[in-house]
């Protein structure tokens, strides 16, 4: 009451105010905590779903990486085969050219 606030010291008024506000906060916290609990539960469910999606994405990424590695290895194999065939063709053409050059020299001579 106003009379009490006049007779109370500043420390007592502060203590009374804290006590009164603390009671209101407790009542509000109980009401809010139920809502908070529901919100936290939904939040945790959402986190769980996101973690599951992340694990699935990680598995897909690993599979794609394996496929890419297999394709890269296959491409390297093909590249080496084509390189060997090209070198063989170059050697054959070089020998043929050397034979023709030799034939031309013998004809000229």
Protein backbone atom coordinates (compact mmCIF):
# COMPACT_ATOMS: atom_id res chain seq x y z
CA UNK A 1 0.00 0.00 0.00
CA UNK A 2 1.13 3.62 -0.42
CA UNK A 3 1.39 4.06 3.35
CA UNK A 4 3.69 1.07 3.61
CA UNK A 5 5.89 2.28 0.76
CA UNK A 6 6.38 5.58 2.57
CA UNK A 7 7.35 3.92 5.84
CA UNK A 8 9.59 1.33 4.13
CA UNK A 9 13.23 2.05 3.50
CA UNK A 10 14.52 2.00 -0.10
CA UNK A 11 16.11 -1.41 0.49
CA UNK A 12 12.84 -2.82 1.81
CA UNK A 13 10.91 -1.38 -1.15
CA UNK A 14 13.43 -2.94 -3.56
CA UNK A 15 13.20 -6.29 -1.78
CA UNK A 16 9.39 -6.20 -1.86
CA UNK A 17 9.40 -5.26 -5.52
CA UNK A 18 11.77 -8.15 -6.32
CA UNK A 19 9.62 -10.57 -4.34
CA UNK A 20 6.44 -9.45 -6.08
CA UNK A 21 7.96 -9.51 -9.54
CA UNK A 22 9.60 -12.84 -8.82
CA UNK A 23 6.18 -14.36 -8.08
CA UNK A 24 4.78 -13.05 -11.34
CA UNK A 25 7.79 -14.33 -13.23
CA UNK A 26 7.37 -17.79 -11.69
CA UNK A 27 3.72 -17.89 -12.77
CA UNK A 28 4.63 -16.68 -16.25
CA UNK A 29 7.55 -19.10 -16.48
CA UNK A 30 5.26 -22.04 -15.68
CA UNK A 31 2.90 -21.04 -18.49
CA UNK A 32 5.68 -20.22 -20.87
CA UNK A 33 7.67 -23.31 -19.97
CA UNK A 34 4.85 -25.53 -21.24
CA UNK A 35 4.85 -23.64 -24.51
CA UNK A 36 8.62 -23.67 -24.50
CA UNK A 37 8.64 -27.42 -23.96
CA UNK A 38 6.38 -27.92 -26.97
CA UNK A 39 8.53 -25.56 -29.01
CA UNK A 40 11.72 -27.31 -27.90
CA UNK A 41 10.22 -30.69 -28.76
CA UNK A 42 9.25 -29.48 -32.24
CA UNK A 43 12.68 -27.90 -32.62
CA UNK A 44 14.39 -31.14 -31.60
CA UNK A 45 12.24 -33.09 -34.06
CA UNK A 46 13.20 -30.66 -36.80
CA UNK A 47 16.87 -31.02 -35.86
CA UNK A 48 16.51 -34.79 -35.99
CA UNK A 49 14.92 -34.61 -39.44
CA UNK A 50 17.67 -32.30 -40.64
CA UNK A 51 20.34 -34.64 -39.29
CA UNK A 52 18.70 -37.56 -41.12
CA UNK A 53 18.63 -35.54 -44.34
CA UNK A 54 22.26 -34.58 -43.82
CA UNK A 55 23.25 -38.24 -43.35
CA UNK A 56 21.34 -39.21 -46.49
CA UNK A 57 22.99 -36.39 -48.43
CA UNK A 58 26.37 -37.47 -47.12
CA UNK A 59 25.75 -41.05 -48.30
CA UNK A 60 24.70 -39.79 -51.74
CA UNK A 61 27.79 -37.60 -51.92
CA UNK A 62 30.03 -40.55 -51.07
CA UNK A 63 28.32 -42.62 -53.78
CA UNK A 64 28.81 -39.83 -56.33
CA UNK A 65 32.46 -39.53 -55.33
CA UNK A 66 32.93 -43.30 -55.82
CA UNK A 67 31.29 -43.11 -59.23
CA UNK A 68 33.42 -40.14 -60.27
CA UNK A 69 36.57 -41.94 -59.13
CA UNK A 70 35.60 -45.03 -61.12
CA UNK A 71 34.91 -42.87 -64.19
CA UNK A 72 38.20 -41.05 -63.75
CA UNK A 73 40.06 -44.35 -63.53
CA UNK A 74 38.29 -45.60 -66.66
CA UNK A 75 39.16 -42.39 -68.50
CA UNK A 76 42.82 -42.71 -67.46
CA UNK A 77 42.84 -46.29 -68.75
CA UNK A 78 41.34 -45.21 -72.08
CA UNK A 79 43.75 -42.31 -72.33
CA UNK A 80 46.73 -44.62 -71.83
CA UNK A 81 45.37 -47.05 -74.43
CA UNK A 82 44.88 -44.26 -76.99
CA UNK A 83 48.31 -42.87 -76.23
CA UNK A 84 49.90 -46.29 -76.80
CA UNK A 85 47.97 -46.72 -80.07
CA UNK A 86 49.06 -43.27 -81.23
CA UNK A 87 52.70 -44.02 -80.45
CA UNK A 88 52.45 -47.32 -82.33
CA UNK A 89 50.93 -45.54 -85.32
CA UNK A 90 53.64 -42.87 -85.25
CA UNK A 91 56.37 -45.57 -85.12
CA UNK A 92 54.78 -47.45 -88.04
CA UNK A 93 54.50 -44.26 -90.11
CA UNK A 94 58.09 -43.33 -89.28
CA UNK A 95 59.33 -46.76 -90.44
CA UNK A 96 57.28 -46.51 -93.61
CA UNK A 97 58.72 -43.07 -94.29
CA UNK A 98 62.24 -44.35 -93.68
CA UNK A 99 61.61 -47.23 -96.12
CA UNK A 100 60.31 -44.83 -98.77
CA UNK A 101 63.27 -42.52 -98.23
CA UNK A 102 65.61 -45.47 -98.58
CA UNK A 103 63.84 -46.62 -101.78
CA UNK A 104 64.04 -43.10 -103.21
CA UNK A 105 67.79 -42.94 -102.49
CA UNK A 106 68.40 -46.31 -104.12
CA UNK A 107 66.35 -45.27 -107.18
CA UNK A 108 68.29 -42.01 -107.47
CA UNK A 109 71.56 -43.78 -107.05
